[in-house]
Amino acid sequence: MENRLDAQRVIVAFLVIIVTLGGIAFVGCLASPPGFFPVLRIALAIIALGFTCLLCYPLVIAYWVVTGCPRGVRDILIIHTAALGAFAVWYLMIFSD
């Protein structure tokens, strides 16, 4: 990919696909019936959300590098890092009992 615009489009396409599939998995896990293990669906939803966030993180960094490190994408990267940290704290608070 010689053109940076093509690389940006590919990265954004992968981000949209990952976020869509992760969102569907998250909502699907939360919407499922409790069954014998009611905590399992919540745990799976949290894992789906965390996995989606972890898959998106390198793509956001790649987009930031490909675009030449603009300030707006850096702010998104900072927000993404804060969200990942908040997710880790939330996960530890729920399952550390």
PDB file of N, CA and C in Angstrom:
ATOM      1  N   MET A   1       0.827  -1.168   0.000  1.00  0.00           N
ATOM      2  CA  MET A   1       0.000   0.000   0.000  1.00  0.00           C
ATOM      3  C   MET A   1       0.873   1.232   0.000  1.00  0.00           C
ATOM      4  N   GLU A   2       1.012   1.822  -1.142  1.00  0.00           N
ATOM      5  CA  GLU A   2       1.864   2.984  -1.265  1.00  0.00           C
ATOM      6  C   GLU A   2       1.157   4.251  -0.823  1.00  0.00           C
ATOM      7  N   ASN A   3      -0.132   4.284  -0.954  1.00  0.00           N
ATOM      8  CA  ASN A   3      -0.886   5.470  -0.600  1.00  0.00           C
ATOM      9  C   ASN A   3      -1.343   5.382   0.853  1.00  0.00           C
ATOM     10  N   ARG A   4      -1.095   6.433   1.626  1.00  0.00           N
ATOM     11  CA  ARG A   4      -1.491   6.437   3.031  1.00  0.00           C
ATOM     12  C   ARG A   4      -3.007   6.418   3.183  1.00  0.00           C
ATOM     13  N   LEU A   5      -3.715   7.016   2.254  1.00  0.00           N
ATOM     14  CA  LEU A   5      -5.170   7.044   2.328  1.00  0.00           C
ATOM     15  C   LEU A   5      -5.747   5.625   2.232  1.00  0.00           C
ATOM     16  N   ASP A   6      -5.140   4.792   1.380  1.00  0.00           N
ATOM     17  CA  ASP A   6      -5.585   3.392   1.282  1.00  0.00           C
ATOM     18  C   ASP A   6      -5.353   2.656   2.595  1.00  0.00           C
ATOM     19  N   ALA A   7      -4.205   2.873   3.209  1.00  0.00           N
ATOM     20  CA  ALA A   7      -3.912   2.227   4.494  1.00  0.00           C
ATOM     21  C   ALA A   7      -4.884   2.697   5.569  1.00  0.00           C
ATOM     22  N   GLN A   8      -5.198   3.982   5.575  1.00  0.00           N
ATOM     23  CA  GLN A   8      -6.158   4.504   6.542  1.00  0.00           C
ATOM     24  C   GLN A   8      -7.526   3.868   6.351  1.00  0.00           C
ATOM     25  N   ARG A   9      -7.953   3.716   5.115  1.00  0.00           N
ATOM     26  CA  ARG A   9      -9.260   3.117   4.837  1.00  0.00           C
ATOM     27  C   ARG A   9      -9.304   1.658   5.279  1.00  0.00           C
ATOM     28  N   VAL A  10      -8.224   0.923   5.056  1.00  0.00           N
ATOM     29  CA  VAL A  10      -8.179  -0.487   5.468  1.00  0.00           C
ATOM     30  C   VAL A  10      -8.235  -0.590   6.990  1.00  0.00           C
ATOM     31  N   ILE A  11      -7.489   0.254   7.683  1.00  0.00           N
ATOM     32  CA  ILE A  11      -7.487   0.230   9.147  1.00  0.00           C
ATOM     33  C   ILE A  11      -8.870   0.571   9.688  1.00  0.00           C
ATOM     34  N   VAL A  12      -9.503   1.595   9.127  1.00  0.00           N
ATOM     35  CA  VAL A  12     -10.843   1.980   9.581  1.00  0.00           C
ATOM     36  C   VAL A  12     -11.847   0.869   9.291  1.00  0.00           C
ATOM     37  N   ALA A  13     -11.719   0.212   8.143  1.00  0.00           N
ATOM     38  CA  ALA A  13     -12.628  -0.893   7.821  1.00  0.00           C
ATOM     39  C   ALA A  13     -12.481  -2.017   8.841  1.00  0.00           C
ATOM     40  N   PHE A  14     -11.246  -2.369   9.198  1.00  0.00           N
ATOM     41  CA  PHE A  14     -11.035  -3.400  10.208  1.00  0.00           C
ATOM     42  C   PHE A  14     -11.571  -2.963  11.569  1.00  0.00           C
ATOM     43  N   LEU A  15     -11.389  -1.686  11.915  1.00  0.00           N
ATOM     44  CA  LEU A  15     -11.918  -1.189  13.181  1.00  0.00           C
ATOM     45  C   LEU A  15     -13.439  -1.303  13.229  1.00  0.00           C
ATOM     46  N   VAL A  16     -14.095  -0.926  12.153  1.00  0.00           N
ATOM     47  CA  VAL A  16     -15.560  -0.998  12.105  1.00  0.00           C
ATOM     48  C   VAL A  16     -16.025  -2.445  12.219  1.00  0.00           C
ATOM     49  N   ILE A  17     -15.358  -3.350  11.540  1.00  0.00           N
ATOM     50  CA  ILE A  17     -15.732  -4.768  11.595  1.00  0.00           C
ATOM     51  C   ILE A  17     -15.550  -5.319  13.010  1.00  0.00           C
ATOM     52  N   ILE A  18     -14.421  -5.032  13.633  1.00  0.00           N
ATOM     53  CA  ILE A  18     -14.149  -5.543  14.973  1.00  0.00           C
ATOM     54  C   ILE A  18     -15.123  -4.972  15.987  1.00  0.00           C
ATOM     55  N   VAL A  19     -15.381  -3.674  15.905  1.00  0.00           N
ATOM     56  CA  VAL A  19     -16.305  -3.047  16.851  1.00  0.00           C
ATOM     57  C   VAL A  19     -17.725  -3.581  16.664  1.00  0.00           C
ATOM     58  N   THR A  20     -18.136  -3.785  15.423  1.00  0.00           N
ATOM     59  CA  THR A  20     -19.467  -4.319  15.171  1.00  0.00           C
ATOM     60  C   THR A  20     -19.610  -5.735  15.724  1.00  0.00           C
ATOM     61  N   LEU A  21     -18.662  -6.593  15.422  1.00  0.00           N
ATOM     62  CA  LEU A  21     -18.729  -7.969  15.927  1.00  0.00           C
ATOM     63  C   LEU A  21     -18.622  -8.018  17.455  1.00  0.00           C
ATOM     64  N   GLY A  22     -17.769  -7.194  18.028  1.00  0.00           N
ATOM     65  CA  GLY A  22     -17.646  -7.143  19.485  1.00  0.00           C
ATOM     66  C   GLY A  22     -18.910  -6.627  20.149  1.00  0.00           C
ATOM     67  N   GLY A  23     -19.535  -5.633  19.535  1.00  0.00           N
ATOM     68  CA  GLY A  23     -20.790  -5.114  20.075  1.00  0.00           C
ATOM     69  C   GLY A  23     -21.908  -6.138  20.007  1.00  0.00           C
ATOM     70  N   ILE A  24     -21.965  -6.862  18.908  1.00  0.00           N
ATOM     71  CA  ILE A  24     -22.973  -7.918  18.772  1.00  0.00           C
ATOM     72  C   ILE A  24     -22.736  -9.020  19.813  1.00  0.00           C
ATOM     73  N   ALA A  25     -21.481  -9.395  20.013  1.00  0.00           N
ATOM     74  CA  ALA A  25     -21.169 -10.425  21.014  1.00  0.00           C
ATOM     75  C   ALA A  25     -21.507  -9.936  22.419  1.00  0.00           C
ATOM     76  N   PHE A  26     -21.210  -8.671  22.718  1.00  0.00           N
ATOM     77  CA  PHE A  26     -21.489  -8.109  24.043  1.00  0.00           C
ATOM     78  C   PHE A  26     -22.984  -8.085  24.327  1.00  0.00           C
ATOM     79  N   VAL A  27     -23.759  -7.549  23.388  1.00  0.00           N
ATOM     80  CA  VAL A  27     -25.210  -7.473  23.572  1.00  0.00           C
ATOM     81  C   VAL A  27     -25.831  -8.873  23.578  1.00  0.00           C
ATOM     82  N   GLY A  28     -25.320  -9.753  22.721  1.00  0.00           N
ATOM     83  CA  GLY A  28     -25.826 -11.123  22.689  1.00  0.00           C
ATOM     84  C   GLY A  28     -25.604 -11.852  23.995  1.00  0.00           C
ATOM     85  N   CYS A  29     -24.452 -11.651  24.601  1.00  0.00           N
ATOM     86  CA  CYS A  29     -24.179 -12.294  25.894  1.00  0.00           C
ATOM     87  C   CYS A  29     -25.081 -11.734  26.994  1.00  0.00           C
ATOM     88  N   LEU A  30     -25.294 -10.417  26.982  1.00  0.00           N
ATOM     89  CA  LEU A  30     -26.153  -9.821  28.001  1.00  0.00           C
ATOM     90  C   LEU A  30     -27.619 -10.186  27.806  1.00  0.00           C
ATOM     91  N   ALA A  31     -28.042 -10.365  26.564  1.00  0.00           N
ATOM     92  CA  ALA A  31     -29.442 -10.659  26.269  1.00  0.00           C
ATOM     93  C   ALA A  31     -29.783 -12.133  26.419  1.00  0.00           C
ATOM     94  N   SER A  32     -28.788 -12.979  26.576  1.00  0.00           N
ATOM     95  CA  SER A  32     -29.062 -14.419  26.689  1.00  0.00           C
ATOM     96  C   SER A  32     -29.722 -14.720  28.037  1.00  0.00           C
ATOM     97  N   PRO A  33     -30.508 -15.785  28.099  1.00  0.00           N
ATOM     98  CA  PRO A  33     -31.143 -16.147  29.375  1.00  0.00           C
ATOM     99  C   PRO A  33     -30.098 -16.602  30.399  1.00  0.00           C
ATOM    100  N   PRO A  34     -30.363 -16.374  31.690  1.00  0.00           N
ATOM    101  CA  PRO A  34     -29.370 -16.698  32.719  1.00  0.00           C
ATOM    102  C   PRO A  34     -28.972 -18.163  32.775  1.00  0.00           C
ATOM    103  N   GLY A  35     -29.910 -19.086  32.679  1.00  0.00           N
ATOM    104  CA  GLY A  35     -29.571 -20.511  32.722  1.00  0.00           C
ATOM    105  C   GLY A  35     -29.100 -20.940  34.103  1.00  0.00           C
ATOM    106  N   PHE A  36     -28.249 -21.959  34.149  1.00  0.00           N
ATOM    107  CA  PHE A  36     -27.774 -22.497  35.427  1.00  0.00           C
ATOM    108  C   PHE A  36     -26.714 -21.610  36.079  1.00  0.00           C
ATOM    109  N   PHE A  37     -25.960 -20.887  35.285  1.00  0.00           N
ATOM    110  CA  PHE A  37     -24.900 -20.017  35.800  1.00  0.00           C
ATOM    111  C   PHE A  37     -25.202 -18.576  35.399  1.00  0.00           C
ATOM    112  N   PRO A  38     -25.947 -17.822  36.218  1.00  0.00           N
ATOM    113  CA  PRO A  38     -26.340 -16.468  35.831  1.00  0.00           C
ATOM    114  C   PRO A  38     -25.156 -15.503  35.691  1.00  0.00           C
ATOM    115  N   VAL A  39     -24.074 -15.756  36.403  1.00  0.00           N
ATOM    116  CA  VAL A  39     -22.917 -14.865  36.326  1.00  0.00           C
ATOM    117  C   VAL A  39     -22.124 -15.103  35.045  1.00  0.00           C
ATOM    118  N   LEU A  40     -22.289 -16.273  34.449  1.00  0.00           N
ATOM    119  CA  LEU A  40     -21.514 -16.623  33.256  1.00  0.00           C
ATOM    120  C   LEU A  40     -21.794 -15.675  32.091  1.00  0.00           C
ATOM    121  N   ARG A  41     -23.049 -15.307  31.887  1.00  0.00           N
ATOM    122  CA  ARG A  41     -23.358 -14.419  30.758  1.00  0.00           C
ATOM    123  C   ARG A  41     -22.742 -13.039  30.953  1.00  0.00           C
ATOM    124  N   ILE A  42     -22.699 -12.565  32.195  1.00  0.00           N
ATOM    125  CA  ILE A  42     -22.071 -11.270  32.468  1.00  0.00           C
ATOM    126  C   ILE A  42     -20.569 -11.371  32.263  1.00  0.00           C
ATOM    127  N   ALA A  43     -19.978 -12.468  32.713  1.00  0.00           N
ATOM    128  CA  ALA A  43     -18.537 -12.664  32.529  1.00  0.00           C
ATOM    129  C   ALA A  43     -18.183 -12.748  31.053  1.00  0.00           C
ATOM    130  N   LEU A  44     -18.990 -13.468  30.284  1.00  0.00           N
ATOM    131  CA  LEU A  44     -18.730 -13.561  28.844  1.00  0.00           C
ATOM    132  C   LEU A  44     -18.903 -12.222  28.154  1.00  0.00           C
ATOM    133  N   ALA A  45     -19.872 -11.426  28.592  1.00  0.00           N
ATOM    134  CA  ALA A  45     -20.061 -10.090  28.012  1.00  0.00           C
ATOM    135  C   ALA A  45     -18.861  -9.198  28.303  1.00  0.00           C
ATOM    136  N   ILE A  46     -18.352  -9.275  29.516  1.00  0.00           N
ATOM    137  CA  ILE A  46     -17.178  -8.475  29.882  1.00  0.00           C
ATOM    138  C   ILE A  46     -15.957  -8.939  29.095  1.00  0.00           C
ATOM    139  N   ILE A  47     -15.805 -10.235  28.935  1.00  0.00           N
ATOM    140  CA  ILE A  47     -14.669 -10.757  28.165  1.00  0.00           C
ATOM    141  C   ILE A  47     -14.774 -10.337  26.706  1.00  0.00           C
ATOM    142  N   ALA A  48     -15.983 -10.365  26.143  1.00  0.00           N
ATOM    143  CA  ALA A  48     -16.174  -9.924  24.752  1.00  0.00           C
ATOM    144  C   ALA A  48     -15.828  -8.452  24.595  1.00  0.00           C
ATOM    145  N   LEU A  49     -16.234  -7.643  25.565  1.00  0.00           N
ATOM    146  CA  LEU A  49     -15.926  -6.218  25.517  1.00  0.00           C
ATOM    147  C   LEU A  49     -14.423  -5.963  25.637  1.00  0.00           C
ATOM    148  N   GLY A  50     -13.785  -6.661  26.557  1.00  0.00           N
ATOM    149  CA  GLY A  50     -12.340  -6.501  26.726  1.00  0.00           C
ATOM    150  C   GLY A  50     -11.555  -6.992  25.520  1.00  0.00           C
ATOM    151  N   PHE A  51     -11.963  -8.109  24.953  1.00  0.00           N
ATOM    152  CA  PHE A  51     -11.291  -8.645  23.775  1.00  0.00           C
ATOM    153  C   PHE A  51     -11.431  -7.678  22.589  1.00  0.00           C
ATOM    154  N   THR A  52     -12.614  -7.094  22.452  1.00  0.00           N
ATOM    155  CA  THR A  52     -12.829  -6.110  21.389  1.00  0.00           C
ATOM    156  C   THR A  52     -11.925  -4.901  21.582  1.00  0.00           C
ATOM    157  N   CYS A  53     -11.833  -4.442  22.808  1.00  0.00           N
ATOM    158  CA  CYS A  53     -10.985  -3.285  23.112  1.00  0.00           C
ATOM    159  C   CYS A  53      -9.516  -3.602  22.837  1.00  0.00           C
ATOM    160  N   LEU A  54      -9.086  -4.795  23.232  1.00  0.00           N
ATOM    161  CA  LEU A  54      -7.685  -5.175  23.000  1.00  0.00           C
ATOM    162  C   LEU A  54      -7.363  -5.353  21.518  1.00  0.00           C
ATOM    163  N   LEU A  55      -8.327  -5.824  20.734  1.00  0.00           N
ATOM    164  CA  LEU A  55      -8.102  -5.959  19.291  1.00  0.00           C
ATOM    165  C   LEU A  55      -8.051  -4.601  18.587  1.00  0.00           C
ATOM    166  N   CYS A  56      -8.805  -3.650  19.102  1.00  0.00           N
ATOM    167  CA  CYS A  56      -8.839  -2.328  18.477  1.00  0.00           C
ATOM    168  C   CYS A  56      -7.601  -1.488  18.818  1.00  0.00           C
ATOM    169  N   TYR A  57      -7.006  -1.742  19.964  1.00  0.00           N
ATOM    170  CA  TYR A  57      -5.879  -0.927  20.423  1.00  0.00           C
ATOM    171  C   TYR A  57      -4.717  -0.861  19.425  1.00  0.00           C
ATOM    172  N   PRO A  58      -4.228  -1.991  18.899  1.00  0.00           N
ATOM    173  CA  PRO A  58      -3.130  -1.890  17.930  1.00  0.00           C
ATOM    174  C   PRO A  58      -3.550  -1.213  16.626  1.00  0.00           C
ATOM    175  N   LEU A  59      -4.819  -1.367  16.258  1.00  0.00           N
ATOM    176  CA  LEU A  59      -5.284  -0.709  15.030  1.00  0.00           C
ATOM    177  C   LEU A  59      -5.353   0.807  15.206  1.00  0.00           C
ATOM    178  N   VAL A  60      -5.732   1.262  16.393  1.00  0.00           N
ATOM    179  CA  VAL A  60      -5.751   2.704  16.649  1.00  0.00           C
ATOM    180  C   VAL A  60      -4.328   3.250  16.626  1.00  0.00           C
ATOM    181  N   ILE A  61      -3.391   2.511  17.201  1.00  0.00           N
ATOM    182  CA  ILE A  61      -1.980   2.937  17.156  1.00  0.00           C
ATOM    183  C   ILE A  61      -1.475   2.959  15.713  1.00  0.00           C
ATOM    184  N   ALA A  62      -1.831   1.932  14.935  1.00  0.00           N
ATOM    185  CA  ALA A  62      -1.412   1.896  13.521  1.00  0.00           C
ATOM    186  C   ALA A  62      -2.001   3.070  12.750  1.00  0.00           C
ATOM    187  N   TYR A  63      -3.258   3.393  13.005  1.00  0.00           N
ATOM    188  CA  TYR A  63      -3.877   4.538  12.330  1.00  0.00           C
ATOM    189  C   TYR A  63      -3.169   5.830  12.712  1.00  0.00           C
ATOM    190  N   TRP A  64      -2.797   5.944  13.975  1.00  0.00           N
ATOM    191  CA  TRP A  64      -2.103   7.136  14.444  1.00  0.00           C
ATOM    192  C   TRP A  64      -0.749   7.283  13.749  1.00  0.00           C
ATOM    193  N   VAL A  65      -0.035   6.169  13.589  1.00  0.00           N
ATOM    194  CA  VAL A  65       1.273   6.213  12.929  1.00  0.00           C
ATOM    195  C   VAL A  65       1.124   6.508  11.431  1.00  0.00           C
ATOM    196  N   VAL A  66       0.146   5.877  10.788  1.00  0.00           N
ATOM    197  CA  VAL A  66      -0.046   6.055   9.338  1.00  0.00           C
ATOM    198  C   VAL A  66      -0.449   7.483   9.008  1.00  0.00           C
ATOM    199  N   THR A  67      -1.243   8.104   9.869  1.00  0.00           N
ATOM    200  CA  THR A  67      -1.703   9.466   9.589  1.00  0.00           C
ATOM    201  C   THR A  67      -0.672  10.526   9.948  1.00  0.00           C
ATOM    202  N   GLY A  68       0.434  10.126  10.510  1.00  0.00           N
ATOM    203  CA  GLY A  68       1.472  11.095  10.826  1.00  0.00           C
ATOM    204  C   GLY A  68       1.353  11.673  12.219  1.00  0.00           C
ATOM    205  N   CYS A  69       0.765  10.938  13.129  1.00  0.00           N
ATOM    206  CA  CYS A  69       0.633  11.303  14.544  1.00  0.00           C
ATOM    207  C   CYS A  69      -0.106  12.620  14.770  1.00  0.00           C
ATOM    208  N   PRO A  70      -1.323  12.787  14.228  1.00  0.00           N
ATOM    209  CA  PRO A  70      -2.065  14.028  14.469  1.00  0.00           C
ATOM    210  C   PRO A  70      -2.608  14.091  15.890  1.00  0.00           C
ATOM    211  N   ARG A  71      -2.897  15.284  16.324  1.00  0.00           N
ATOM    212  CA  ARG A  71      -3.350  15.509  17.695  1.00  0.00           C
ATOM    213  C   ARG A  71      -4.701  14.846  17.977  1.00  0.00           C
ATOM    214  N   GLY A  72      -5.640  14.891  17.055  1.00  0.00           N
ATOM    215  CA  GLY A  72      -6.969  14.319  17.276  1.00  0.00           C
ATOM    216  C   GLY A  72      -6.932  12.824  17.498  1.00  0.00           C
ATOM    217  N   VAL A  73      -6.111  12.129  16.727  1.00  0.00           N
ATOM    218  CA  VAL A  73      -6.000  10.674  16.887  1.00  0.00           C
ATOM    219  C   VAL A  73      -5.263  10.359  18.186  1.00  0.00           C
ATOM    220  N   ARG A  74      -4.340  11.210  18.580  1.00  0.00           N
ATOM    221  CA  ARG A  74      -3.657  11.018  19.860  1.00  0.00           C
ATOM    222  C   ARG A  74      -4.659  11.115  21.005  1.00  0.00           C
ATOM    223  N   ASP A  75      -5.607  12.046  20.897  1.00  0.00           N
ATOM    224  CA  ASP A  75      -6.638  12.176  21.920  1.00  0.00           C
ATOM    225  C   ASP A  75      -7.519  10.930  21.968  1.00  0.00           C
ATOM    226  N   ILE A  76      -7.846  10.380  20.806  1.00  0.00           N
ATOM    227  CA  ILE A  76      -8.617   9.136  20.763  1.00  0.00           C
ATOM    228  C   ILE A  76      -7.826   8.003  21.397  1.00  0.00           C
ATOM    229  N   LEU A  77      -6.535   7.965  21.159  1.00  0.00           N
ATOM    230  CA  LEU A  77      -5.682   6.936  21.752  1.00  0.00           C
ATOM    231  C   LEU A  77      -5.645   7.074  23.275  1.00  0.00           C
ATOM    232  N   ILE A  78      -5.598   8.296  23.767  1.00  0.00           N
ATOM    233  CA  ILE A  78      -5.619   8.528  25.215  1.00  0.00           C
ATOM    234  C   ILE A  78      -6.956   8.085  25.806  1.00  0.00           C
ATOM    235  N   ILE A  79      -8.056   8.406  25.134  1.00  0.00           N
ATOM    236  CA  ILE A  79      -9.379   7.985  25.595  1.00  0.00           C
ATOM    237  C   ILE A  79      -9.490   6.463  25.576  1.00  0.00           C
ATOM    238  N   HIS A  80      -8.955   5.848  24.540  1.00  0.00           N
ATOM    239  CA  HIS A  80      -8.991   4.388  24.427  1.00  0.00           C
ATOM    240  C   HIS A  80      -8.193   3.745  25.559  1.00  0.00           C
ATOM    241  N   THR A  81      -7.060   4.305  25.904  1.00  0.00           N
ATOM    242  CA  THR A  81      -6.250   3.793  27.003  1.00  0.00           C
ATOM    243  C   THR A  81      -6.988   3.942  28.330  1.00  0.00           C
ATOM    244  N   ALA A  82      -7.643   5.082  28.525  1.00  0.00           N
ATOM    245  CA  ALA A  82      -8.427   5.282  29.750  1.00  0.00           C
ATOM    246  C   ALA A  82      -9.586   4.293  29.819  1.00  0.00           C
ATOM    247  N   ALA A  83     -10.233   4.049  28.695  1.00  0.00           N
ATOM    248  CA  ALA A  83     -11.343   3.088  28.669  1.00  0.00           C
ATOM    249  C   ALA A  83     -10.844   1.675  28.963  1.00  0.00           C
ATOM    250  N   LEU A  84      -9.695   1.321  28.436  1.00  0.00           N
ATOM    251  CA  LEU A  84      -9.121  -0.005  28.708  1.00  0.00           C
ATOM    252  C   LEU A  84      -8.766  -0.143  30.186  1.00  0.00           C
ATOM    253  N   GLY A  85      -8.226   0.905  30.776  1.00  0.00           N
ATOM    254  CA  GLY A  85      -7.939   0.884  32.212  1.00  0.00           C
ATOM    255  C   GLY A  85      -9.196   0.788  33.051  1.00  0.00           C
ATOM    256  N   ALA A  86     -10.239   1.536  32.662  1.00  0.00           N
ATOM    257  CA  ALA A  86     -11.513   1.475  33.377  1.00  0.00           C
ATOM    258  C   ALA A  86     -12.118   0.082  33.257  1.00  0.00           C
ATOM    259  N   PHE A  87     -11.990  -0.533  32.098  1.00  0.00           N
ATOM    260  CA  PHE A  87     -12.481  -1.890  31.911  1.00  0.00           C
ATOM    261  C   PHE A  87     -11.760  -2.853  32.842  1.00  0.00           C
ATOM    262  N   ALA A  88     -10.455  -2.729  32.940  1.00  0.00           N
ATOM    263  CA  ALA A  88      -9.686  -3.628  33.806  1.00  0.00           C
ATOM    264  C   ALA A  88     -10.096  -3.453  35.267  1.00  0.00           C
ATOM    265  N   VAL A  89     -10.300  -2.220  35.705  1.00  0.00           N
ATOM    266  CA  VAL A  89     -10.736  -1.967  37.077  1.00  0.00           C
ATOM    267  C   VAL A  89     -12.123  -2.545  37.305  1.00  0.00           C
ATOM    268  N   TRP A  90     -13.034  -2.339  36.345  1.00  0.00           N
ATOM    269  CA  TRP A  90     -14.395  -2.856  36.455  1.00  0.00           C
ATOM    270  C   TRP A  90     -14.372  -4.381  36.547  1.00  0.00           C
ATOM    271  N   TYR A  91     -13.595  -5.013  35.699  1.00  0.00           N
ATOM    272  CA  TYR A  91     -13.493  -6.477  35.703  1.00  0.00           C
ATOM    273  C   TYR A  91     -12.968  -6.980  37.045  1.00  0.00           C
ATOM    274  N   LEU A  92     -11.933  -6.342  37.564  1.00  0.00           N
ATOM    275  CA  LEU A  92     -11.360  -6.771  38.835  1.00  0.00           C
ATOM    276  C   LEU A  92     -12.327  -6.546  39.988  1.00  0.00           C
ATOM    277  N   MET A  93     -13.097  -5.463  39.928  1.00  0.00           N
ATOM    278  CA  MET A  93     -14.063  -5.197  40.999  1.00  0.00           C
ATOM    279  C   MET A  93     -15.190  -6.235  40.995  1.00  0.00           C
ATOM    280  N   ILE A  94     -15.629  -6.655  39.828  1.00  0.00           N
ATOM    281  CA  ILE A  94     -16.742  -7.590  39.749  1.00  0.00           C
ATOM    282  C   ILE A  94     -16.308  -8.995  40.157  1.00  0.00           C
ATOM    283  N   PHE A  95     -15.158  -9.433  39.719  1.00  0.00           N
ATOM    284  CA  PHE A  95     -14.761 -10.827  39.915  1.00  0.00           C
ATOM    285  C   PHE A  95     -13.689 -11.045  40.981  1.00  0.00           C
ATOM    286  N   SER A  96     -13.413 -10.039  41.789  1.00  0.00           N
ATOM    287  CA  SER A  96     -12.418 -10.236  42.850  1.00  0.00           C
ATOM    288  C   SER A  96     -13.051 -10.712  44.154  1.00  0.00           C
ATOM    289  N   ASP A  97     -14.367 -10.811  44.197  1.00  0.00           N
ATOM    290  CA  ASP A  97     -15.042 -11.250  45.423  1.00  0.00           C
ATOM    291  C   ASP A  97     -14.686 -12.631  45.788  1.00  0.00           C
TER     292      ASP A  97
END
